[in-house]
C-alpha atoms as a PDB file:
ATOM      1  CA  UNK A   1     -67.767 -97.464  -5.019  1.00  0.00           C
ATOM      2  CA  UNK A   2     -67.735 -99.446  -7.190  1.00  0.00           C
ATOM      3  CA  UNK A   3     -65.264-102.103  -7.586  1.00  0.00           C
ATOM      4  CA  UNK A   4     -62.767-101.825 -11.428  1.00  0.00           C
ATOM      5  CA  UNK A   5     -63.618-104.387 -13.500  1.00  0.00           C
ATOM      6  CA  UNK A   6     -60.209-105.606 -13.364  1.00  0.00           C
ATOM      7  CA  UNK A   7     -58.275-105.316  -9.978  1.00  0.00           C
ATOM      8  CA  UNK A   8     -54.299-106.335  -9.235  1.00  0.00           C
ATOM      9  CA  UNK A   9     -53.784-106.406  -5.099  1.00  0.00           C
ATOM     10  CA  UNK A  10     -50.117-106.817  -4.273  1.00  0.00           C
ATOM     11  CA  UNK A  11     -49.592-109.578  -6.631  1.00  0.00           C
ATOM     12  CA  UNK A  12     -46.068-110.909  -6.487  1.00  0.00           C
ATOM     13  CA  UNK A  13     -44.889-113.314  -9.520  1.00  0.00           C
ATOM     14  CA  UNK A  14     -40.934-114.820 -10.138  1.00  0.00           C
ATOM     15  CA  UNK A  15     -39.754-117.089 -13.196  1.00  0.00           C
ATOM     16  CA  UNK A  16     -37.496-119.135 -11.133  1.00  0.00           C
ATOM     17  CA  UNK A  17     -35.625-117.592  -8.308  1.00  0.00           C
ATOM     18  CA  UNK A  18     -35.909-114.664  -9.854  1.00  0.00           C
ATOM     19  CA  UNK A  19     -38.789-111.912  -8.376  1.00  0.00           C
ATOM     20  CA  UNK A  20     -40.735-110.110 -11.867  1.00  0.00           C
ATOM     21  CA  UNK A  21     -43.119-108.535 -10.034  1.00  0.00           C
ATOM     22  CA  UNK A  22     -42.981-107.135  -6.061  1.00  0.00           C
ATOM     23  CA  UNK A  23     -46.535-106.037  -4.680  1.00  0.00           C
ATOM     24  CA  UNK A  24     -48.038-104.970  -8.093  1.00  0.00           C
ATOM     25  CA  UNK A  25     -51.652-103.253  -7.110  1.00  0.00           C
ATOM     26  CA  UNK A  26     -53.583-101.285  -9.934  1.00  0.00           C
ATOM     27  CA  UNK A  27     -57.111-101.318 -11.836  1.00  0.00           C
ATOM     28  CA  UNK A  28     -58.740-100.731 -14.643  1.00  0.00           C
ATOM     29  CA  UNK A  29     -62.432 -99.619 -15.209  1.00  0.00           C
ATOM     30  CA  UNK A  30     -64.451-100.591 -17.518  1.00  0.00           C
ATOM     31  CA  UNK A  31     -64.161 -98.802 -20.890  1.00  0.00           C
ATOM     32  CA  UNK A  32     -60.944 -97.318 -20.409  1.00  0.00           C
ATOM     33  CA  UNK A  33     -57.462 -97.290 -22.105  1.00  0.00           C
ATOM     34  CA  UNK A  34     -54.997 -97.943 -19.469  1.00  0.00           C
ATOM     35  CA  UNK A  35     -50.793 -97.877 -20.278  1.00  0.00           C
ATOM     36  CA  UNK A  36     -48.508 -99.346 -18.546  1.00  0.00           C
ATOM     37  CA  UNK A  37     -45.085 -98.191 -19.270  1.00  0.00           C
ATOM     38  CA  UNK A  38     -40.881 -98.923 -17.872  1.00  0.00           C
ATOM     39  CA  UNK A  39     -37.691 -99.770 -19.451  1.00  0.00           C
ATOM     40  CA  UNK A  40     -36.876-102.818 -20.713  1.00  0.00           C
ATOM     41  CA  UNK A  41     -37.357-105.874 -18.623  1.00  0.00           C
ATOM     42  CA  UNK A  42     -38.960-104.047 -15.767  1.00  0.00           C
ATOM     43  CA  UNK A  43     -41.668-106.610 -15.717  1.00  0.00           C
ATOM     44  CA  UNK A  44     -43.760-105.002 -18.060  1.00  0.00           C
ATOM     45  CA  UNK A  45     -44.821-108.502 -20.748  1.00  0.00           C
ATOM     46  CA  UNK A  46     -44.604-110.213 -16.971  1.00  0.00           C
ATOM     47  CA  UNK A  47     -47.592-107.885 -15.172  1.00  0.00           C
ATOM     48  CA  UNK A  48     -49.772-108.752 -18.730  1.00  0.00           C
ATOM     49  CA  UNK A  49     -48.650-112.895 -18.210  1.00  0.00           C
ATOM     50  CA  UNK A  50     -49.520-112.932 -14.625  1.00  0.00           C
ATOM     51  CA  UNK A  51     -52.597-111.654 -15.500  1.00  0.00           C
ATOM     52  CA  UNK A  52     -53.437-114.490 -18.518  1.00  0.00           C
ATOM     53  CA  UNK A  53     -52.488-116.917 -15.713  1.00  0.00           C
ATOM     54  CA  UNK A  54     -48.607-118.215 -17.021  1.00  0.00           C
ATOM     55  CA  UNK A  55     -46.843-117.197 -14.838  1.00  0.00           C
ATOM     56  CA  UNK A  56     -48.906-117.631 -11.844  1.00  0.00           C
ATOM     57  CA  UNK A  57     -48.846-115.262  -9.283  1.00  0.00           C
ATOM     58  CA  UNK A  58     -47.235-116.225  -6.822  1.00  0.00           C
ATOM     59  CA  UNK A  59     -49.092-114.392  -4.001  1.00  0.00           C
ATOM     60  CA  UNK A  60     -51.621-111.533  -4.057  1.00  0.00           C
ATOM     61  CA  UNK A  61     -55.355-111.579  -5.659  1.00  0.00           C
ATOM     62  CA  UNK A  62     -56.316-110.914  -9.323  1.00  0.00           C
ATOM     63  CA  UNK A  63     -59.927-109.980  -9.891  1.00  0.00           C
ATOM     64  CA  UNK A  64     -62.060-109.386 -13.227  1.00  0.00           C
ATOM     65  CA  UNK A  65     -66.003-108.809 -12.875  1.00  0.00           C
ATOM     66  CA  UNK A  66     -65.669-110.685  -9.183  1.00  0.00           C
ATOM     67  CA  UNK A  67     -64.112-113.616 -10.249  1.00  0.00           C
ATOM     68  CA  UNK A  68     -60.407-114.562  -8.338  1.00  0.00           C
ATOM     69  CA  UNK A  69     -58.093-115.416 -11.720  1.00  0.00           C
ATOM     70  CA  UNK A  70     -55.192-115.572  -9.993  1.00  0.00           C
ATOM     71  CA  UNK A  71     -54.752-119.878  -9.825  1.00  0.00           C
ATOM     72  CA  UNK A  72     -57.025-120.211 -12.977  1.00  0.00           C
ATOM     73  CA  UNK A  73     -55.359-121.640 -16.411  1.00  0.00           C
ATOM     74  CA  UNK A  74     -55.040-119.324 -19.392  1.00  0.00           C
ATOM     75  CA  UNK A  75     -58.039-120.949 -21.372  1.00  0.00           C
ATOM     76  CA  UNK A  76     -60.420-120.509 -17.910  1.00  0.00           C
ATOM     77  CA  UNK A  77     -59.330-116.489 -18.413  1.00  0.00           C
ATOM     78  CA  UNK A  78     -60.112-116.622 -22.070  1.00  0.00           C
ATOM     79  CA  UNK A  79     -63.704-117.631 -21.262  1.00  0.00           C
ATOM     80  CA  UNK A  80     -64.166-115.011 -18.343  1.00  0.00           C
ATOM     81  CA  UNK A  81     -63.793-112.677 -21.706  1.00  0.00           C
ATOM     82  CA  UNK A  82     -60.096-111.317 -21.680  1.00  0.00           C
ATOM     83  CA  UNK A  83     -58.230-112.090 -24.488  1.00  0.00           C
ATOM     84  CA  UNK A  84     -54.081-111.038 -24.847  1.00  0.00           C
ATOM     85  CA  UNK A  85     -52.156-110.014 -27.410  1.00  0.00           C
ATOM     86  CA  UNK A  86     -48.575-111.126 -27.046  1.00  0.00           C
ATOM     87  CA  UNK A  87     -45.691-109.524 -27.926  1.00  0.00           C
ATOM     88  CA  UNK A  88     -44.226-110.187 -31.475  1.00  0.00           C
ATOM     89  CA  UNK A  89     -47.452-111.054 -32.157  1.00  0.00           C
ATOM     90  CA  UNK A  90     -47.356-115.051 -32.500  1.00  0.00           C
ATOM     91  CA  UNK A  91     -49.155-115.270 -35.529  1.00  0.00           C
ATOM     92  CA  UNK A  92     -49.785-119.119 -37.526  1.00  0.00           C
ATOM     93  CA  UNK A  93     -47.054-118.035 -40.354  1.00  0.00           C
ATOM     94  CA  UNK A  94     -48.490-121.367 -42.526  1.00  0.00           C
ATOM     95  CA  UNK A  95     -51.927-120.452 -42.394  1.00  0.00           C
ATOM     96  CA  UNK A  96     -53.912-118.009 -43.807  1.00  0.00           C
ATOM     97  CA  UNK A  97     -55.146-114.641 -42.655  1.00  0.00           C
ATOM     98  CA  UNK A  98     -58.714-115.850 -42.681  1.00  0.00           C
ATOM     99  CA  UNK A  99     -57.495-119.272 -40.798  1.00  0.00           C
ATOM    100  CA  UNK A 100     -55.980-117.000 -38.202  1.00  0.00           C
ATOM    101  CA  UNK A 101     -58.896-115.399 -37.835  1.00  0.00           C
ATOM    102  CA  UNK A 102     -61.152-118.435 -36.422  1.00  0.00           C
ATOM    103  CA  UNK A 103     -58.086-119.584 -34.393  1.00  0.00           C
ATOM    104  CA  UNK A 104     -59.935-116.743 -32.373  1.00  0.00           C
ATOM    105  CA  UNK A 105     -62.672-117.706 -32.064  1.00  0.00           C
ATOM    106  CA  UNK A 106     -61.685-120.979 -29.635  1.00  0.00           C
ATOM    107  CA  UNK A 107     -63.437-119.317 -26.136  1.00  0.00           C
ATOM    108  CA  UNK A 108     -66.758-118.616 -27.452  1.00  0.00           C
ATOM    109  CA  UNK A 109     -67.563-121.249 -30.345  1.00  0.00           C
ATOM    110  CA  UNK A 110     -67.949-120.524 -34.249  1.00  0.00           C
ATOM    111  CA  UNK A 111     -71.721-119.195 -33.823  1.00  0.00           C
ATOM    112  CA  UNK A 112     -70.873-115.506 -34.620  1.00  0.00           C
ATOM    113  CA  UNK A 113     -67.776-116.173 -36.695  1.00  0.00           C
ATOM    114  CA  UNK A 114     -68.936-115.660 -39.899  1.00  0.00           C
ATOM    115  CA  UNK A 115     -70.892-112.028 -38.307  1.00  0.00           C
ATOM    116  CA  UNK A 116     -67.552-111.426 -36.439  1.00  0.00           C
ATOM    117  CA  UNK A 117     -65.240-111.898 -39.083  1.00  0.00           C
ATOM    118  CA  UNK A 118     -66.769-108.987 -41.597  1.00  0.00           C
ATOM    119  CA  UNK A 119     -66.780-106.912 -38.737  1.00  0.00           C
ATOM    120  CA  UNK A 120     -63.113-107.627 -38.583  1.00  0.00           C
ATOM    121  CA  UNK A 121     -62.661-107.122 -42.708  1.00  0.00           C
ATOM    122  CA  UNK A 122     -64.583-103.242 -42.118  1.00  0.00           C
ATOM    123  CA  UNK A 123     -61.975-102.711 -38.820  1.00  0.00           C
ATOM    124  CA  UNK A 124     -59.200-103.410 -41.066  1.00  0.00           C
ATOM    125  CA  UNK A 125     -59.985-103.469 -44.890  1.00  0.00           C
ATOM    126  CA  UNK A 126     -56.155-104.692 -45.401  1.00  0.00           C
ATOM    127  CA  UNK A 127     -57.110-107.809 -43.666  1.00  0.00           C
ATOM    128  CA  UNK A 128     -60.156-108.369 -46.258  1.00  0.00           C
ATOM    129  CA  UNK A 129     -57.548-107.962 -49.401  1.00  0.00           C
ATOM    130  CA  UNK A 130     -55.245-110.314 -47.808  1.00  0.00           C
ATOM    131  CA  UNK A 131     -57.096-113.137 -46.357  1.00  0.00           C
ATOM    132  CA  UNK A 132     -56.213-115.908 -48.480  1.00  0.00           C
ATOM    133  CA  UNK A 133     -52.696-114.951 -48.272  1.00  0.00           C
ATOM    134  CA  UNK A 134     -50.268-116.243 -45.380  1.00  0.00           C
ATOM    135  CA  UNK A 135     -49.570-114.666 -43.119  1.00  0.00           C
ATOM    136  CA  UNK A 136     -46.359-115.416 -42.486  1.00  0.00           C
ATOM    137  CA  UNK A 137     -45.864-113.146 -45.709  1.00  0.00           C
ATOM    138  CA  UNK A 138     -48.006-109.648 -44.286  1.00  0.00           C
ATOM    139  CA  UNK A 139     -45.863-106.879 -43.637  1.00  0.00           C
ATOM    140  CA  UNK A 140     -45.159-106.038 -39.615  1.00  0.00           C
ATOM    141  CA  UNK A 141     -47.733-103.627 -39.253  1.00  0.00           C
ATOM    142  CA  UNK A 142     -49.995-106.112 -41.070  1.00  0.00           C
ATOM    143  CA  UNK A 143     -49.313-108.786 -38.327  1.00  0.00           C
ATOM    144  CA  UNK A 144     -50.098-106.931 -35.970  1.00  0.00           C
ATOM    145  CA  UNK A 145     -53.437-105.658 -37.111  1.00  0.00           C
ATOM    146  CA  UNK A 146     -54.058-109.711 -37.652  1.00  0.00           C
ATOM    147  CA  UNK A 147     -53.067-110.500 -34.033  1.00  0.00           C
ATOM    148  CA  UNK A 148     -55.494-107.581 -33.117  1.00  0.00           C
ATOM    149  CA  UNK A 149     -58.208-109.268 -34.906  1.00  0.00           C
ATOM    150  CA  UNK A 150     -57.477-112.638 -33.858  1.00  0.00           C
ATOM    151  CA  UNK A 151     -57.582-112.040 -30.568  1.00  0.00           C
ATOM    152  CA  UNK A 152     -60.980-109.549 -31.024  1.00  0.00           C
ATOM    153  CA  UNK A 153     -62.889-113.144 -32.720  1.00  0.00           C
ATOM    154  CA  UNK A 154     -62.883-114.856 -29.288  1.00  0.00           C
ATOM    155  CA  UNK A 155     -65.729-111.513 -28.761  1.00  0.00           C
ATOM    156  CA  UNK A 156     -63.769-110.151 -25.457  1.00  0.00           C
ATOM    157  CA  UNK A 157     -64.802-107.459 -22.721  1.00  0.00           C
ATOM    158  CA  UNK A 158     -61.114-106.622 -22.100  1.00  0.00           C
ATOM    159  CA  UNK A 159     -57.774-106.477 -24.274  1.00  0.00           C
ATOM    160  CA  UNK A 160     -53.996-107.607 -22.537  1.00  0.00           C
ATOM    161  CA  UNK A 161     -51.783-105.795 -25.487  1.00  0.00           C
ATOM    162  CA  UNK A 162     -47.908-106.081 -25.322  1.00  0.00           C
ATOM    163  CA  UNK A 163     -46.190-103.538 -27.085  1.00  0.00           C
ATOM    164  CA  UNK A 164     -48.284-103.546 -30.159  1.00  0.00           C
ATOM    165  CA  UNK A 165     -45.790-100.602 -31.679  1.00  0.00           C
ATOM    166  CA  UNK A 166     -42.841-102.984 -31.607  1.00  0.00           C
ATOM    167  CA  UNK A 167     -40.406-102.759 -34.398  1.00  0.00           C
ATOM    168  CA  UNK A 168     -43.642-101.082 -36.234  1.00  0.00           C
ATOM    169  CA  UNK A 169     -42.442 -97.350 -39.058  1.00  0.00           C
ATOM    170  CA  UNK A 170     -43.762 -94.635 -37.052  1.00  0.00           C
ATOM    171  CA  UNK A 171     -46.784 -94.157 -40.252  1.00  0.00           C
ATOM    172  CA  UNK A 172     -47.831 -97.853 -39.523  1.00  0.00           C
ATOM    173  CA  UNK A 173     -47.678 -97.037 -35.509  1.00  0.00           C
ATOM    174  CA  UNK A 174     -50.259 -94.134 -35.745  1.00  0.00           C
ATOM    175  CA  UNK A 175     -52.407 -96.078 -37.413  1.00  0.00           C
ATOM    176  CA  UNK A 176     -52.607 -98.845 -34.961  1.00  0.00           C
ATOM    177  CA  UNK A 177     -52.733 -96.733 -32.163  1.00  0.00           C
ATOM    178  CA  UNK A 178     -55.382 -94.699 -34.239  1.00  0.00           C
ATOM    179  CA  UNK A 179     -57.374 -98.284 -33.942  1.00  0.00           C
ATOM    180  CA  UNK A 180     -57.296 -99.026 -30.448  1.00  0.00           C
ATOM    181  CA  UNK A 181     -59.122 -95.435 -29.957  1.00  0.00           C
ATOM    182  CA  UNK A 182     -61.593 -97.517 -32.267  1.00  0.00           C
ATOM    183  CA  UNK A 183     -62.266-100.517 -30.361  1.00  0.00           C
ATOM    184  CA  UNK A 184     -62.649 -98.757 -27.293  1.00  0.00           C
ATOM    185  CA  UNK A 185     -65.290 -96.645 -29.209  1.00  0.00           C
ATOM    186  CA  UNK A 186     -66.829-100.695 -29.929  1.00  0.00           C
ATOM    187  CA  UNK A 187     -66.907-100.710 -26.078  1.00  0.00           C
ATOM    188  CA  UNK A 188     -64.207-103.143 -25.294  1.00  0.00           C
ATOM    189  CA  UNK A 189     -61.887-102.237 -22.215  1.00  0.00           C
ATOM    190  CA  UNK A 190     -57.585-101.757 -22.965  1.00  0.00           C
ATOM    191  CA  UNK A 191     -55.002-103.117 -21.054  1.00  0.00           C
ATOM    192  CA  UNK A 192     -51.420-101.484 -23.097  1.00  0.00           C
ATOM    193  CA  UNK A 193     -47.628-102.334 -21.940  1.00  0.00           C
ATOM    194  CA  UNK A 194     -46.023-100.048 -24.601  1.00  0.00           C
ATOM    195  CA  UNK A 195     -42.580 -98.845 -25.020  1.00  0.00           C
ATOM    196  CA  UNK A 196     -43.771 -96.073 -27.126  1.00  0.00           C
ATOM    197  CA  UNK A 197     -44.392 -94.021 -23.868  1.00  0.00           C
ATOM    198  CA  UNK A 198     -45.292 -90.772 -25.637  1.00  0.00           C
ATOM    199  CA  UNK A 199     -47.904 -92.529 -27.903  1.00  0.00           C
ATOM    200  CA  UNK A 200     -48.949 -94.896 -25.372  1.00  0.00           C
ATOM    201  CA  UNK A 201     -49.491 -92.040 -22.547  1.00  0.00           C
ATOM    202  CA  UNK A 202     -51.350 -89.832 -25.465  1.00  0.00           C
ATOM    203  CA  UNK A 203     -53.873 -92.273 -26.501  1.00  0.00           C
ATOM    204  CA  UNK A 204     -54.148 -93.487 -22.771  1.00  0.00           C
ATOM    205  CA  UNK A 205     -56.894 -92.494 -19.917  1.00  0.00           C
ATOM    206  CA  UNK A 206     -54.485 -93.153 -16.871  1.00  0.00           C
ATOM    207  CA  UNK A 207     -51.375 -95.086 -17.266  1.00  0.00           C
ATOM    208  CA  UNK A 208     -48.772 -96.413 -15.145  1.00  0.00           C
ATOM    209  CA  UNK A 209     -44.756 -96.671 -14.416  1.00  0.00           C
ATOM    210  CA  UNK A 210     -43.347-100.052 -14.111  1.00  0.00           C
ATOM    211  CA  UNK A 211     -40.077 -99.912 -12.275  1.00  0.00           C
ATOM    212  CA  UNK A 212     -37.984-103.118 -11.493  1.00  0.00           C
ATOM    213  CA  UNK A 213     -41.041-104.598 -10.511  1.00  0.00           C
ATOM    214  CA  UNK A 214     -42.775-102.073  -8.553  1.00  0.00           C
ATOM    215  CA  UNK A 215     -45.703 -99.671  -9.419  1.00  0.00           C
ATOM    216  CA  UNK A 216     -43.841 -96.260  -9.183  1.00  0.00           C
ATOM    217  CA  UNK A 217     -46.218 -93.612 -10.329  1.00  0.00           C
ATOM    218  CA  UNK A 218     -49.701 -93.650 -11.655  1.00  0.00           C
ATOM    219  CA  UNK A 219     -51.683 -90.576 -13.399  1.00  0.00           C
ATOM    220  CA  UNK A 220     -53.909 -89.700 -16.116  1.00  0.00           C
ATOM    221  CA  UNK A 221     -51.879 -90.297 -19.835  1.00  0.00           C
ATOM    222  CA  UNK A 222     -51.640 -86.399 -19.734  1.00  0.00           C
ATOM    223  CA  UNK A 223     -50.358 -86.025 -15.350  1.00  0.00           C
ATOM    224  CA  UNK A 224     -47.651 -88.431 -16.459  1.00  0.00           C
ATOM    225  CA  UNK A 225     -46.838 -86.779 -19.897  1.00  0.00           C
ATOM    226  CA  UNK A 226     -46.243 -83.625 -18.491  1.00  0.00           C
ATOM    227  CA  UNK A 227     -44.073 -85.407 -15.927  1.00  0.00           C
ATOM    228  CA  UNK A 228     -40.793 -83.835 -15.769  1.00  0.00           C
ATOM    229  CA  UNK A 229     -39.122 -87.399 -14.447  1.00  0.00           C
ATOM    230  CA  UNK A 230     -41.269 -89.086 -16.931  1.00  0.00           C
ATOM    231  CA  UNK A 231     -40.052 -86.997 -20.099  1.00  0.00           C
ATOM    232  CA  UNK A 232     -36.625 -87.283 -18.829  1.00  0.00           C
ATOM    233  CA  UNK A 233     -36.962 -91.340 -18.584  1.00  0.00           C
ATOM    234  CA  UNK A 234     -39.130 -92.806 -21.244  1.00  0.00           C
ATOM    235  CA  UNK A 235     -39.882 -89.255 -23.501  1.00  0.00           C
ATOM    236  CA  UNK A 236     -36.501 -87.847 -24.598  1.00  0.00           C
ATOM    237  CA  UNK A 237     -36.365 -84.995 -26.453  1.00  0.00           C
ATOM    238  CA  UNK A 238     -39.402 -85.314 -27.597  1.00  0.00           C
ATOM    239  CA  UNK A 239     -41.997 -82.300 -27.279  1.00  0.00           C
ATOM    240  CA  UNK A 240     -45.305 -83.771 -25.232  1.00  0.00           C
ATOM    241  CA  UNK A 241     -47.717 -82.112 -27.986  1.00  0.00           C
ATOM    242  CA  UNK A 242     -48.049 -82.149 -31.428  1.00  0.00           C
END
């Protein structure tokens, strides 16, 4: 059996005295979009941050391409080909769009910066139009595009995305999810934390449901969308088809 690209094995993590993750095991295969859904406070963001080394897992193991990431610092993890797009974008508001993008080159250096910047402008034409504009003056959707472009400038194999639809209008959310689909067509792997379960499960090959720090359910995106428990808990009255 082929080893997954990314695998968590019985991972536990805490913030001070509060245990946030409890024996979490999951995997992501190369080229997949895998989503993690759950209620507010379930531990979704903590799980992504633990993969990226802050906080560190208190026990268990995080494996990536046969490398044990469990006790590595975030900059070491980035050098292995993983990038994180954090919740709330966290762009540098006083820097230009282009300057924000160049910061994304830190894990790999500047050798490919010009070619990769042009590739990002092709993927995000809006950013090209605003390349000299201060990032803090962009709309929420444009800031999310910038955060994704900045991550891609580091030439990662895998992108960890935390709530990319947060605070965005429905039309912009659809645009962002189409961009994510396009990114995987370029050979990237995506592990997505998302509260918009409908969009996330439609996009994902597979999904996991996190409840109070534990994985309680898993299946393909279609299986989870069709599950009555998932519909009641996370989709409300929304229909599961267009």
